[in-house]
Amino acid sequence: MKPDVIITGHQWWWEVEYPSTKMVTANEVHLPVGKQLLLELRTKDVIHDWWVPELGNKMDMIPNRTNFLWVNINKPGDYIGACSEFCGAQHAWMRIKVVAQSTADYNNWLMANTKKAAEPMDKEAIAGKELFQNKSCAGCHRIEGTSAIAVVGPDLTHLAGRQYLLTGLLANNESNLNDWINHPQQIKSGAHMPDFMLEKDSVRAIAHYLSQLK
């Protein structure tokens, strides 16, 4: 049976794919209420364990193996969980957020997130987009509608529409984006994002661009 959502664990973030639309996002899993849903669970690296207590039992995510989990959510709201299998230095920040929505709200969210990335709105954001494409950012991340098509790190097409960064570690705002790009290993040590030693103006422009990707 074809899954409704495919969730892949990484060190340390969640990749979320919606096969019906081929849309890919990260970390925040949107699901409709009142529907029997099949989640396909995978991992790209070490063993992870998907667990949202209010939505059912734990399910291991084991390399080279695919597991499945049925869920049926009755009430809209945010459901919080975490990886329950030690997966490395940042295991404590391998949080899970499921956003359960009415059918109408879910369909609106899905439609909005299948669109290409918003174009930058001002000079600094335009400069940030160019820097993102020409520096190392595009070597790991994808932004739909641009030349950035890599899938090593999280998809950033609609990054600004997410509530948190780094699976719950930071609130999603321009200031925190700036800090993360500037000193990633100081914020989430061991994450697969190095410090590229960019100039402060460049970091600020990239963060400003990303903050407009809703």
N, C-alpha and C. Protein backbone atom coordinates (compact mmCIF):
# COMPACT_ATOMS: atom_id res chain seq x y z
N MET A 1 0.84 -1.20 0.00
CA MET A 1 0.00 0.00 0.00
C MET A 1 0.88 1.25 0.00
N LYS A 2 0.50 2.25 -0.77
CA LYS A 2 1.28 3.46 -0.87
C LYS A 2 1.14 4.30 0.40
N PRO A 3 2.25 4.75 0.99
CA PRO A 3 2.15 5.56 2.20
C PRO A 3 1.66 6.97 1.92
N ASP A 4 1.04 7.57 2.93
CA ASP A 4 0.62 8.97 2.81
C ASP A 4 1.79 9.91 3.01
N VAL A 5 2.70 9.52 3.91
CA VAL A 5 3.87 10.34 4.23
C VAL A 5 5.06 9.41 4.41
N ILE A 6 6.21 9.84 3.92
CA ILE A 6 7.47 9.12 4.15
C ILE A 6 8.36 9.98 5.03
N ILE A 7 8.76 9.44 6.17
CA ILE A 7 9.58 10.18 7.12
C ILE A 7 10.93 9.47 7.24
N THR A 8 11.99 10.24 7.01
CA THR A 8 13.34 9.69 7.04
C THR A 8 14.15 10.39 8.13
N GLY A 9 14.74 9.61 9.03
CA GLY A 9 15.56 10.18 10.08
C GLY A 9 16.99 10.42 9.61
N HIS A 10 17.53 11.57 10.01
CA HIS A 10 18.92 11.93 9.74
C HIS A 10 19.54 12.39 11.06
N GLN A 11 20.86 12.44 11.10
CA GLN A 11 21.52 13.09 12.23
C GLN A 11 21.64 14.58 11.92
N TRP A 12 20.87 15.53 12.53
CA TRP A 12 19.78 15.24 13.45
C TRP A 12 18.60 16.07 13.01
N TRP A 13 17.85 15.51 12.06
CA TRP A 13 16.65 16.18 11.57
C TRP A 13 15.78 15.15 10.87
N TRP A 14 14.53 15.55 10.60
CA TRP A 14 13.56 14.66 9.96
C TRP A 14 13.24 15.17 8.56
N GLU A 15 13.37 14.30 7.59
CA GLU A 15 12.95 14.61 6.22
C GLU A 15 11.52 14.09 6.04
N VAL A 16 10.65 14.91 5.46
CA VAL A 16 9.23 14.57 5.36
C VAL A 16 8.79 14.71 3.91
N GLU A 17 8.37 13.60 3.33
CA GLU A 17 7.98 13.58 1.92
C GLU A 17 6.51 13.20 1.79
N TYR A 18 5.80 13.90 0.91
CA TYR A 18 4.38 13.64 0.63
C TYR A 18 4.29 13.08 -0.79
N PRO A 19 4.25 11.76 -0.93
CA PRO A 19 4.35 11.14 -2.26
C PRO A 19 3.30 11.59 -3.25
N SER A 20 2.12 11.94 -2.79
CA SER A 20 1.05 12.31 -3.72
C SER A 20 1.37 13.60 -4.48
N THR A 21 2.22 14.43 -3.90
CA THR A 21 2.57 15.70 -4.53
C THR A 21 4.06 15.82 -4.81
N LYS A 22 4.85 14.86 -4.32
CA LYS A 22 6.31 14.89 -4.43
C LYS A 22 6.90 16.08 -3.70
N MET A 23 6.15 16.64 -2.76
CA MET A 23 6.64 17.75 -1.96
C MET A 23 7.46 17.22 -0.80
N VAL A 24 8.58 17.90 -0.51
CA VAL A 24 9.47 17.49 0.58
C VAL A 24 9.69 18.68 1.50
N THR A 25 9.59 18.42 2.80
CA THR A 25 9.86 19.45 3.79
C THR A 25 10.71 18.83 4.90
N ALA A 26 10.80 19.51 6.02
CA ALA A 26 11.65 18.99 7.09
C ALA A 26 11.08 19.34 8.47
N ASN A 27 11.21 18.38 9.36
CA ASN A 27 11.04 18.53 10.80
C ASN A 27 9.61 18.71 11.30
N GLU A 28 8.79 19.48 10.66
CA GLU A 28 7.40 19.63 11.09
C GLU A 28 6.51 18.82 10.14
N VAL A 29 5.79 17.85 10.71
CA VAL A 29 4.98 16.93 9.92
C VAL A 29 3.52 17.36 9.99
N HIS A 30 2.97 17.77 8.89
CA HIS A 30 1.56 18.17 8.83
C HIS A 30 0.72 16.98 8.39
N LEU A 31 -0.39 16.74 9.12
CA LEU A 31 -1.28 15.63 8.81
C LEU A 31 -2.72 16.06 8.97
N PRO A 32 -3.64 15.51 8.17
CA PRO A 32 -5.06 15.82 8.34
C PRO A 32 -5.67 14.97 9.44
N VAL A 33 -6.68 15.51 10.10
CA VAL A 33 -7.38 14.75 11.14
C VAL A 33 -8.49 13.91 10.51
N GLY A 34 -8.95 12.92 11.29
CA GLY A 34 -10.09 12.11 10.87
C GLY A 34 -9.85 11.21 9.69
N LYS A 35 -8.60 10.80 9.50
CA LYS A 35 -8.28 9.96 8.35
C LYS A 35 -7.23 8.93 8.76
N GLN A 36 -7.43 7.70 8.31
CA GLN A 36 -6.43 6.66 8.56
C GLN A 36 -5.24 6.90 7.65
N LEU A 37 -4.08 7.12 8.25
CA LEU A 37 -2.89 7.51 7.50
C LEU A 37 -1.78 6.49 7.70
N LEU A 38 -1.05 6.21 6.64
CA LEU A 38 0.06 5.28 6.72
C LEU A 38 1.37 6.06 6.60
N LEU A 39 2.21 5.96 7.65
CA LEU A 39 3.52 6.59 7.65
C LEU A 39 4.57 5.54 7.31
N GLU A 40 5.42 5.84 6.37
CA GLU A 40 6.56 4.99 6.06
C GLU A 40 7.78 5.59 6.75
N LEU A 41 8.50 4.79 7.52
CA LEU A 41 9.58 5.28 8.36
C LEU A 41 10.91 4.67 7.93
N ARG A 42 11.89 5.54 7.67
CA ARG A 42 13.20 5.12 7.19
C ARG A 42 14.29 5.87 7.96
N THR A 43 15.54 5.49 7.77
CA THR A 43 16.67 6.25 8.27
C THR A 43 17.79 6.23 7.25
N LYS A 44 18.55 7.32 7.21
CA LYS A 44 19.68 7.42 6.29
C LYS A 44 21.00 7.07 6.95
N ASP A 45 21.02 7.01 8.28
CA ASP A 45 22.31 6.83 8.93
C ASP A 45 22.26 5.80 10.04
N VAL A 46 22.05 6.24 11.28
CA VAL A 46 22.02 5.34 12.42
C VAL A 46 20.57 4.96 12.76
N ILE A 47 20.39 4.14 13.78
CA ILE A 47 19.05 3.80 14.22
C ILE A 47 18.41 5.01 14.90
N HIS A 48 17.20 5.36 14.48
CA HIS A 48 16.37 6.35 15.15
C HIS A 48 15.10 5.62 15.61
N ASP A 49 14.28 6.32 16.38
CA ASP A 49 13.03 5.72 16.85
C ASP A 49 11.96 6.79 16.89
N TRP A 50 10.97 6.64 16.03
CA TRP A 50 9.88 7.62 15.93
C TRP A 50 8.90 7.40 17.07
N TRP A 51 8.66 8.46 17.85
CA TRP A 51 7.71 8.32 18.96
C TRP A 51 7.02 9.63 19.26
N VAL A 52 5.72 9.68 18.98
CA VAL A 52 4.85 10.77 19.40
C VAL A 52 3.81 10.13 20.31
N PRO A 53 3.96 10.21 21.64
CA PRO A 53 3.16 9.42 22.57
C PRO A 53 1.66 9.47 22.35
N GLU A 54 1.12 10.65 22.02
CA GLU A 54 -0.32 10.78 21.84
C GLU A 54 -0.84 10.13 20.56
N LEU A 55 0.09 9.75 19.68
CA LEU A 55 -0.33 9.23 18.37
C LEU A 55 -0.02 7.75 18.18
N GLY A 56 0.40 7.08 19.25
CA GLY A 56 0.60 5.64 19.11
C GLY A 56 1.94 5.17 19.61
N ASN A 57 2.27 3.95 19.25
CA ASN A 57 3.47 3.31 19.77
C ASN A 57 4.74 3.79 19.07
N LYS A 58 5.88 3.44 19.67
CA LYS A 58 7.17 3.74 19.07
C LYS A 58 7.38 2.85 17.84
N MET A 59 8.23 3.34 16.93
CA MET A 59 8.58 2.53 15.78
C MET A 59 10.05 2.76 15.43
N ASP A 60 10.84 1.69 15.43
CA ASP A 60 12.25 1.80 15.09
C ASP A 60 12.42 2.21 13.63
N MET A 61 13.48 2.95 13.38
CA MET A 61 13.90 3.34 12.04
C MET A 61 15.32 2.82 11.88
N ILE A 62 15.49 1.75 11.11
CA ILE A 62 16.72 0.99 11.05
C ILE A 62 17.31 1.09 9.65
N PRO A 63 18.62 1.34 9.53
CA PRO A 63 19.23 1.42 8.19
C PRO A 63 18.93 0.19 7.34
N ASN A 64 18.63 0.45 6.07
CA ASN A 64 18.35 -0.60 5.08
C ASN A 64 17.07 -1.39 5.37
N ARG A 65 16.19 -0.81 6.15
CA ARG A 65 14.91 -1.46 6.45
C ARG A 65 13.81 -0.39 6.48
N THR A 66 12.63 -0.73 6.00
CA THR A 66 11.49 0.19 6.01
C THR A 66 10.43 -0.34 6.97
N ASN A 67 9.98 0.51 7.87
CA ASN A 67 8.89 0.17 8.78
C ASN A 67 7.69 1.07 8.50
N PHE A 68 6.53 0.67 9.00
CA PHE A 68 5.30 1.41 8.76
C PHE A 68 4.53 1.60 10.05
N LEU A 69 3.78 2.69 10.10
CA LEU A 69 2.96 3.00 11.28
C LEU A 69 1.65 3.64 10.83
N TRP A 70 0.53 3.08 11.29
CA TRP A 70 -0.78 3.67 11.02
C TRP A 70 -1.12 4.68 12.11
N VAL A 71 -1.66 5.83 11.72
CA VAL A 71 -2.15 6.81 12.69
C VAL A 71 -3.50 7.34 12.23
N ASN A 72 -4.31 7.71 13.20
CA ASN A 72 -5.60 8.34 12.93
C ASN A 72 -5.81 9.38 14.01
N ILE A 73 -5.68 10.65 13.65
CA ILE A 73 -5.72 11.75 14.63
C ILE A 73 -7.12 12.33 14.66
N ASN A 74 -7.68 12.42 15.84
CA ASN A 74 -9.07 12.88 15.97
C ASN A 74 -9.21 14.37 16.17
N LYS A 75 -8.18 15.02 16.71
CA LYS A 75 -8.31 16.42 17.12
C LYS A 75 -7.17 17.25 16.55
N PRO A 76 -7.50 18.42 15.94
CA PRO A 76 -6.43 19.30 15.46
C PRO A 76 -5.56 19.80 16.61
N GLY A 77 -4.33 20.09 16.30
CA GLY A 77 -3.41 20.61 17.31
C GLY A 77 -1.99 20.17 17.04
N ASP A 78 -1.10 20.58 17.93
CA ASP A 78 0.31 20.19 17.83
C ASP A 78 0.57 19.01 18.74
N TYR A 79 1.23 18.00 18.20
CA TYR A 79 1.58 16.79 18.95
C TYR A 79 3.10 16.67 18.96
N ILE A 80 3.66 16.61 20.16
CA ILE A 80 5.11 16.68 20.31
C ILE A 80 5.67 15.31 20.70
N GLY A 81 6.78 14.95 20.06
CA GLY A 81 7.45 13.70 20.38
C GLY A 81 8.95 13.87 20.25
N ALA A 82 9.66 12.75 20.22
CA ALA A 82 11.11 12.78 20.11
C ALA A 82 11.62 11.43 19.66
N CYS A 83 12.82 11.43 19.10
CA CYS A 83 13.50 10.17 18.83
C CYS A 83 13.79 9.51 20.17
N SER A 84 13.41 8.25 20.32
CA SER A 84 13.61 7.58 21.61
C SER A 84 14.71 6.53 21.57
N GLU A 85 15.54 6.59 20.53
CA GLU A 85 16.71 5.72 20.43
C GLU A 85 17.94 6.62 20.34
N PHE A 86 18.92 6.41 21.24
CA PHE A 86 20.10 7.27 21.23
C PHE A 86 20.77 7.23 19.85
N CYS A 87 20.89 8.40 19.24
CA CYS A 87 21.36 8.48 17.86
C CYS A 87 22.57 9.38 17.70
N GLY A 88 23.22 9.72 18.81
CA GLY A 88 24.41 10.54 18.71
C GLY A 88 24.37 11.74 19.63
N ALA A 89 25.35 12.63 19.45
CA ALA A 89 25.56 13.73 20.39
C ALA A 89 24.35 14.65 20.55
N GLN A 90 23.57 14.84 19.50
CA GLN A 90 22.42 15.75 19.55
C GLN A 90 21.10 14.99 19.63
N HIS A 91 21.14 13.79 20.18
CA HIS A 91 19.91 13.01 20.34
C HIS A 91 18.83 13.79 21.08
N ALA A 92 19.22 14.55 22.10
CA ALA A 92 18.24 15.31 22.89
C ALA A 92 17.51 16.36 22.05
N TRP A 93 18.13 16.77 20.93
CA TRP A 93 17.47 17.74 20.05
C TRP A 93 17.07 17.11 18.74
N MET A 94 16.55 15.88 18.84
CA MET A 94 15.93 15.20 17.71
C MET A 94 14.44 15.17 18.01
N ARG A 95 13.86 16.37 18.17
CA ARG A 95 12.45 16.49 18.54
C ARG A 95 11.55 16.27 17.33
N ILE A 96 10.29 15.94 17.62
CA ILE A 96 9.29 15.72 16.57
C ILE A 96 8.11 16.65 16.83
N LYS A 97 7.62 17.29 15.78
CA LYS A 97 6.40 18.09 15.90
C LYS A 97 5.44 17.69 14.79
N VAL A 98 4.28 17.17 15.18
CA VAL A 98 3.22 16.84 14.23
C VAL A 98 2.14 17.90 14.35
N VAL A 99 1.79 18.52 13.24
CA VAL A 99 0.74 19.54 13.21
C VAL A 99 -0.49 18.90 12.57
N ALA A 100 -1.49 18.62 13.39
CA ALA A 100 -2.73 18.00 12.88
C ALA A 100 -3.72 19.11 12.53
N GLN A 101 -4.29 19.03 11.32
CA GLN A 101 -5.15 20.10 10.81
C GLN A 101 -6.45 19.55 10.25
N SER A 102 -7.44 20.40 10.21
CA SER A 102 -8.67 20.02 9.52
C SER A 102 -8.33 19.73 8.06
N THR A 103 -9.21 19.02 7.38
CA THR A 103 -8.94 18.68 5.99
C THR A 103 -8.71 19.92 5.15
N ALA A 104 -9.53 20.95 5.36
CA ALA A 104 -9.40 22.19 4.58
C ALA A 104 -8.07 22.87 4.85
N ASP A 105 -7.71 22.98 6.14
CA ASP A 105 -6.45 23.63 6.49
C ASP A 105 -5.26 22.84 5.98
N TYR A 106 -5.34 21.53 6.09
CA TYR A 106 -4.26 20.68 5.59
C TYR A 106 -4.09 20.83 4.08
N ASN A 107 -5.19 20.80 3.34
CA ASN A 107 -5.11 20.94 1.88
C ASN A 107 -4.55 22.30 1.49
N ASN A 108 -4.92 23.35 2.24
CA ASN A 108 -4.37 24.68 1.97
C ASN A 108 -2.86 24.71 2.23
N TRP A 109 -2.45 24.07 3.33
CA TRP A 109 -1.02 24.01 3.65
C TRP A 109 -0.26 23.25 2.57
N LEU A 110 -0.82 22.12 2.16
CA LEU A 110 -0.15 21.29 1.15
C LEU A 110 -0.02 22.04 -0.16
N MET A 111 -1.08 22.73 -0.56
CA MET A 111 -1.05 23.49 -1.81
C MET A 111 -0.01 24.60 -1.75
N ALA A 112 0.05 25.30 -0.61
CA ALA A 112 1.01 26.39 -0.47
C ALA A 112 2.44 25.89 -0.51
N ASN A 113 2.66 24.70 0.06
CA ASN A 113 4.03 24.18 0.17
C ASN A 113 4.49 23.42 -1.07
N THR A 114 3.61 23.22 -2.02
CA THR A 114 4.04 22.63 -3.30
C THR A 114 4.47 23.71 -4.29
N LYS A 115 4.28 24.97 -3.93
CA LYS A 115 4.69 26.07 -4.81
C LYS A 115 6.20 26.27 -4.74
N LYS A 116 6.74 26.91 -5.75
CA LYS A 116 8.15 27.25 -5.76
C LYS A 116 8.44 28.32 -4.70
N ALA A 117 9.69 28.46 -4.36
CA ALA A 117 10.09 29.42 -3.33
C ALA A 117 9.73 30.85 -3.73
N ALA A 118 9.40 31.64 -2.71
CA ALA A 118 9.10 33.05 -2.95
C ALA A 118 10.35 33.78 -3.42
N GLU A 119 10.17 34.72 -4.31
CA GLU A 119 11.29 35.54 -4.76
C GLU A 119 11.63 36.58 -3.70
N PRO A 120 12.91 36.91 -3.54
CA PRO A 120 13.31 37.91 -2.54
C PRO A 120 12.66 39.25 -2.79
N MET A 121 12.40 39.97 -1.69
CA MET A 121 11.58 41.18 -1.77
C MET A 121 12.38 42.48 -1.72
N ASP A 122 13.65 42.43 -1.37
CA ASP A 122 14.44 43.67 -1.23
C ASP A 122 15.90 43.39 -1.60
N LYS A 123 16.71 44.43 -1.62
CA LYS A 123 18.09 44.30 -2.11
C LYS A 123 18.91 43.33 -1.27
N GLU A 124 18.75 43.38 0.04
CA GLU A 124 19.54 42.49 0.89
C GLU A 124 19.16 41.03 0.66
N ALA A 125 17.86 40.76 0.52
CA ALA A 125 17.40 39.40 0.26
C ALA A 125 17.85 38.92 -1.12
N ILE A 126 17.84 39.80 -2.11
CA ILE A 126 18.33 39.45 -3.44
C ILE A 126 19.81 39.08 -3.37
N ALA A 127 20.57 39.86 -2.62
CA ALA A 127 21.99 39.54 -2.42
C ALA A 127 22.14 38.22 -1.69
N GLY A 128 21.26 37.97 -0.72
CA GLY A 128 21.31 36.73 0.03
C GLY A 128 21.04 35.51 -0.84
N LYS A 129 20.09 35.65 -1.75
CA LYS A 129 19.81 34.55 -2.67
C LYS A 129 21.02 34.25 -3.54
N GLU A 130 21.68 35.29 -4.05
CA GLU A 130 22.85 35.08 -4.89
C GLU A 130 23.98 34.42 -4.10
N LEU A 131 24.17 34.86 -2.87
CA LEU A 131 25.20 34.26 -2.01
C LEU A 131 24.87 32.79 -1.72
N PHE A 132 23.60 32.52 -1.46
CA PHE A 132 23.18 31.14 -1.18
C PHE A 132 23.52 30.23 -2.36
N GLN A 133 23.28 30.71 -3.57
CA GLN A 133 23.55 29.90 -4.76
C GLN A 133 25.04 29.75 -5.03
N ASN A 134 25.83 30.80 -4.74
CA ASN A 134 27.23 30.81 -5.14
C ASN A 134 28.19 30.33 -4.07
N LYS A 135 27.77 30.36 -2.83
CA LYS A 135 28.60 29.83 -1.76
C LYS A 135 28.27 28.34 -1.59
N SER A 136 28.62 27.79 -0.43
CA SER A 136 28.46 26.34 -0.24
C SER A 136 27.04 25.90 0.10
N CYS A 137 26.14 26.85 0.38
CA CYS A 137 24.78 26.50 0.83
C CYS A 137 24.06 25.58 -0.15
N ALA A 138 24.15 25.91 -1.43
CA ALA A 138 23.43 25.16 -2.47
C ALA A 138 24.03 23.78 -2.70
N GLY A 139 25.19 23.52 -2.12
CA GLY A 139 25.78 22.20 -2.25
C GLY A 139 25.12 21.16 -1.36
N CYS A 140 24.32 21.62 -0.39
CA CYS A 140 23.67 20.69 0.54
C CYS A 140 22.15 20.83 0.58
N HIS A 141 21.63 22.00 0.23
CA HIS A 141 20.21 22.26 0.41
C HIS A 141 19.49 22.49 -0.91
N ARG A 142 18.21 22.22 -0.90
CA ARG A 142 17.36 22.48 -2.05
C ARG A 142 16.40 23.62 -1.75
N ILE A 143 16.22 24.49 -2.72
CA ILE A 143 15.17 25.51 -2.69
C ILE A 143 14.46 25.42 -4.03
N GLU A 144 13.24 24.91 -4.01
CA GLU A 144 12.48 24.67 -5.24
C GLU A 144 12.29 25.95 -6.03
N GLY A 145 12.58 25.86 -7.34
CA GLY A 145 12.46 27.03 -8.20
C GLY A 145 13.76 27.78 -8.37
N THR A 146 14.83 27.28 -7.74
CA THR A 146 16.16 27.87 -7.91
C THR A 146 17.12 26.78 -8.40
N SER A 147 18.37 27.16 -8.57
CA SER A 147 19.37 26.18 -9.00
C SER A 147 19.88 25.31 -7.86
N ALA A 148 19.43 25.57 -6.64
CA ALA A 148 19.82 24.75 -5.49
C ALA A 148 18.95 23.50 -5.47
N ILE A 149 19.56 22.35 -5.75
CA ILE A 149 18.78 21.12 -5.87
C ILE A 149 19.37 19.98 -5.03
N ALA A 150 20.31 20.27 -4.16
CA ALA A 150 20.95 19.22 -3.36
C ALA A 150 20.01 18.70 -2.28
N VAL A 151 20.25 17.47 -1.85
CA VAL A 151 19.37 16.84 -0.87
C VAL A 151 20.16 16.29 0.31
N VAL A 152 21.33 16.85 0.58
CA VAL A 152 22.14 16.41 1.72
C VAL A 152 21.53 16.90 3.02
N GLY A 153 21.14 18.17 3.06
CA GLY A 153 20.52 18.77 4.24
C GLY A 153 19.05 19.01 4.01
N PRO A 154 18.37 19.62 4.99
CA PRO A 154 16.93 19.87 4.88
C PRO A 154 16.56 20.75 3.69
N ASP A 155 15.40 20.47 3.11
CA ASP A 155 14.82 21.31 2.07
C ASP A 155 14.42 22.64 2.71
N LEU A 156 14.81 23.75 2.07
CA LEU A 156 14.57 25.08 2.65
C LEU A 156 13.54 25.90 1.86
N THR A 157 12.83 25.27 0.95
CA THR A 157 11.92 26.00 0.06
C THR A 157 10.93 26.88 0.83
N HIS A 158 10.39 26.35 1.91
CA HIS A 158 9.42 27.11 2.72
C HIS A 158 9.88 27.16 4.18
N LEU A 159 11.17 27.36 4.36
CA LEU A 159 11.76 27.35 5.70
C LEU A 159 11.06 28.30 6.66
N ALA A 160 10.75 29.51 6.20
CA ALA A 160 10.19 30.52 7.09
C ALA A 160 8.79 30.18 7.58
N GLY A 161 8.16 29.18 6.97
CA GLY A 161 6.84 28.77 7.41
C GLY A 161 6.85 27.82 8.59
N ARG A 162 8.05 27.39 9.02
CA ARG A 162 8.16 26.47 10.15
C ARG A 162 8.33 27.26 11.45
N GLN A 163 7.83 26.71 12.53
CA GLN A 163 7.87 27.42 13.81
C GLN A 163 9.26 27.39 14.45
N TYR A 164 9.96 26.28 14.25
CA TYR A 164 11.25 26.10 14.91
C TYR A 164 12.35 25.74 13.91
N LEU A 165 13.57 25.96 14.33
CA LEU A 165 14.76 25.53 13.61
C LEU A 165 15.41 24.37 14.38
N LEU A 166 16.12 23.52 13.65
CA LEU A 166 16.98 22.50 14.27
C LEU A 166 16.18 21.56 15.17
N THR A 167 15.06 21.07 14.66
CA THR A 167 14.17 20.15 15.37
C THR A 167 13.85 20.62 16.78
N GLY A 168 13.49 21.90 16.90
CA GLY A 168 12.99 22.41 18.17
C GLY A 168 13.98 23.17 19.00
N LEU A 169 15.23 23.24 18.57
CA LEU A 169 16.26 23.88 19.38
C LEU A 169 16.09 25.40 19.46
N LEU A 170 15.72 26.03 18.33
CA LEU A 170 15.60 27.48 18.28
C LEU A 170 14.28 27.89 17.65
N ALA A 171 13.72 29.00 18.12
CA ALA A 171 12.58 29.60 17.44
C ALA A 171 13.03 30.05 16.05
N ASN A 172 12.14 29.93 15.08
CA ASN A 172 12.49 30.27 13.71
C ASN A 172 12.30 31.76 13.48
N ASN A 173 13.39 32.50 13.55
CA ASN A 173 13.36 33.92 13.24
C ASN A 173 14.69 34.31 12.60
N GLU A 174 14.74 35.52 12.07
CA GLU A 174 15.92 35.94 11.31
C GLU A 174 17.17 36.00 12.18
N SER A 175 17.01 36.43 13.42
CA SER A 175 18.16 36.52 14.32
C SER A 175 18.77 35.15 14.58
N ASN A 176 17.93 34.16 14.84
CA ASN A 176 18.44 32.82 15.10
C ASN A 176 19.02 32.17 13.85
N LEU A 177 18.42 32.47 12.69
CA LEU A 177 19.00 31.99 11.43
C LEU A 177 20.41 32.56 11.25
N ASN A 178 20.56 33.83 11.55
CA ASN A 178 21.86 34.48 11.44
C ASN A 178 22.88 33.81 12.35
N ASP A 179 22.48 33.55 13.60
CA ASP A 179 23.40 32.91 14.55
C ASP A 179 23.77 31.51 14.10
N TRP A 180 22.79 30.77 13.58
CA TRP A 180 23.04 29.40 13.15
C TRP A 180 24.02 29.35 11.99
N ILE A 181 23.81 30.19 10.98
CA ILE A 181 24.71 30.21 9.82
C ILE A 181 26.10 30.68 10.23
N ASN A 182 26.16 31.60 11.17
CA ASN A 182 27.42 32.19 11.59
C ASN A 182 28.28 31.22 12.39
N HIS A 183 27.64 30.46 13.31
CA HIS A 183 28.40 29.57 14.19
C HIS A 183 27.62 28.27 14.43
N PRO A 184 27.43 27.45 13.40
CA PRO A 184 26.58 26.27 13.56
C PRO A 184 27.08 25.28 14.62
N GLN A 185 28.38 25.08 14.71
CA GLN A 185 28.89 24.09 15.65
C GLN A 185 28.82 24.55 17.10
N GLN A 186 28.71 25.84 17.32
CA GLN A 186 28.51 26.34 18.68
C GLN A 186 27.07 26.12 19.14
N ILE A 187 26.15 26.06 18.19
CA ILE A 187 24.74 25.91 18.52
C ILE A 187 24.31 24.45 18.56
N LYS A 188 24.73 23.66 17.58
CA LYS A 188 24.37 22.24 17.54
C LYS A 188 25.61 21.46 17.12
N SER A 189 26.51 21.27 18.08
CA SER A 189 27.79 20.64 17.78
C SER A 189 27.60 19.23 17.26
N GLY A 190 28.37 18.90 16.25
CA GLY A 190 28.27 17.58 15.63
C GLY A 190 27.33 17.52 14.45
N ALA A 191 26.51 18.54 14.27
CA ALA A 191 25.63 18.58 13.10
C ALA A 191 26.48 18.66 11.84
N HIS A 192 25.93 18.16 10.74
CA HIS A 192 26.71 18.09 9.50
C HIS A 192 26.67 19.41 8.73
N MET A 193 26.82 20.51 9.45
CA MET A 193 26.93 21.82 8.81
C MET A 193 28.15 22.52 9.39
N PRO A 194 29.18 22.69 8.57
CA PRO A 194 30.41 23.33 9.06
C PRO A 194 30.28 24.84 9.14
N ASP A 195 31.22 25.45 9.80
CA ASP A 195 31.32 26.90 9.83
C ASP A 195 32.10 27.33 8.59
N PHE A 196 31.43 28.03 7.68
CA PHE A 196 32.07 28.42 6.42
C PHE A 196 32.85 29.73 6.52
N MET A 197 32.89 30.33 7.71
CA MET A 197 33.69 31.53 7.94
C MET A 197 33.31 32.65 6.98
N LEU A 198 32.01 32.83 6.78
CA LEU A 198 31.54 33.88 5.88
C LEU A 198 31.62 35.24 6.57
N GLU A 199 31.72 36.28 5.77
CA GLU A 199 31.68 37.63 6.30
C GLU A 199 30.32 37.89 6.94
N LYS A 200 30.30 38.73 7.96
CA LYS A 200 29.06 38.99 8.70
C LYS A 200 27.97 39.54 7.79
N ASP A 201 28.35 40.41 6.85
CA ASP A 201 27.35 40.96 5.92
C ASP A 201 26.75 39.86 5.05
N SER A 202 27.56 38.89 4.66
CA SER A 202 27.07 37.79 3.84
C SER A 202 26.12 36.91 4.64
N VAL A 203 26.49 36.61 5.87
CA VAL A 203 25.62 35.81 6.74
C VAL A 203 24.28 36.51 6.94
N ARG A 204 24.34 37.80 7.20
CA ARG A 204 23.11 38.56 7.43
C ARG A 204 22.22 38.55 6.19
N ALA A 205 22.81 38.67 5.02
CA ALA A 205 22.02 38.68 3.78
C ALA A 205 21.38 37.31 3.53
N ILE A 206 22.12 36.23 3.76
CA ILE A 206 21.57 34.89 3.56
C ILE A 206 20.44 34.64 4.54
N ALA A 207 20.63 35.00 5.80
CA ALA A 207 19.57 34.82 6.80
C ALA A 207 18.33 35.63 6.44
N HIS A 208 18.54 36.84 5.93
CA HIS A 208 17.41 37.68 5.54
C HIS A 208 16.65 37.06 4.38
N TYR A 209 17.37 36.50 3.43
CA TYR A 209 16.72 35.80 2.31
C TYR A 209 15.92 34.61 2.79
N LEU A 210 16.53 33.78 3.60
CA LEU A 210 15.84 32.57 4.09
C LEU A 210 14.61 32.92 4.92
N SER A 211 14.66 34.04 5.62
CA SER A 211 13.53 34.43 6.47
C SER A 211 12.30 34.83 5.65
N GLN A 212 12.46 34.98 4.33
CA GLN A 212 11.33 35.33 3.45
C GLN A 212 10.75 34.11 2.73
N LEU A 213 11.30 32.94 2.98
CA LEU A 213 10.86 31.75 2.26
C LEU A 213 9.68 31.09 2.98
N LYS A 214 8.49 31.65 2.77
CA LYS A 214 7.28 31.13 3.41
C LYS A 214 6.46 30.31 2.42
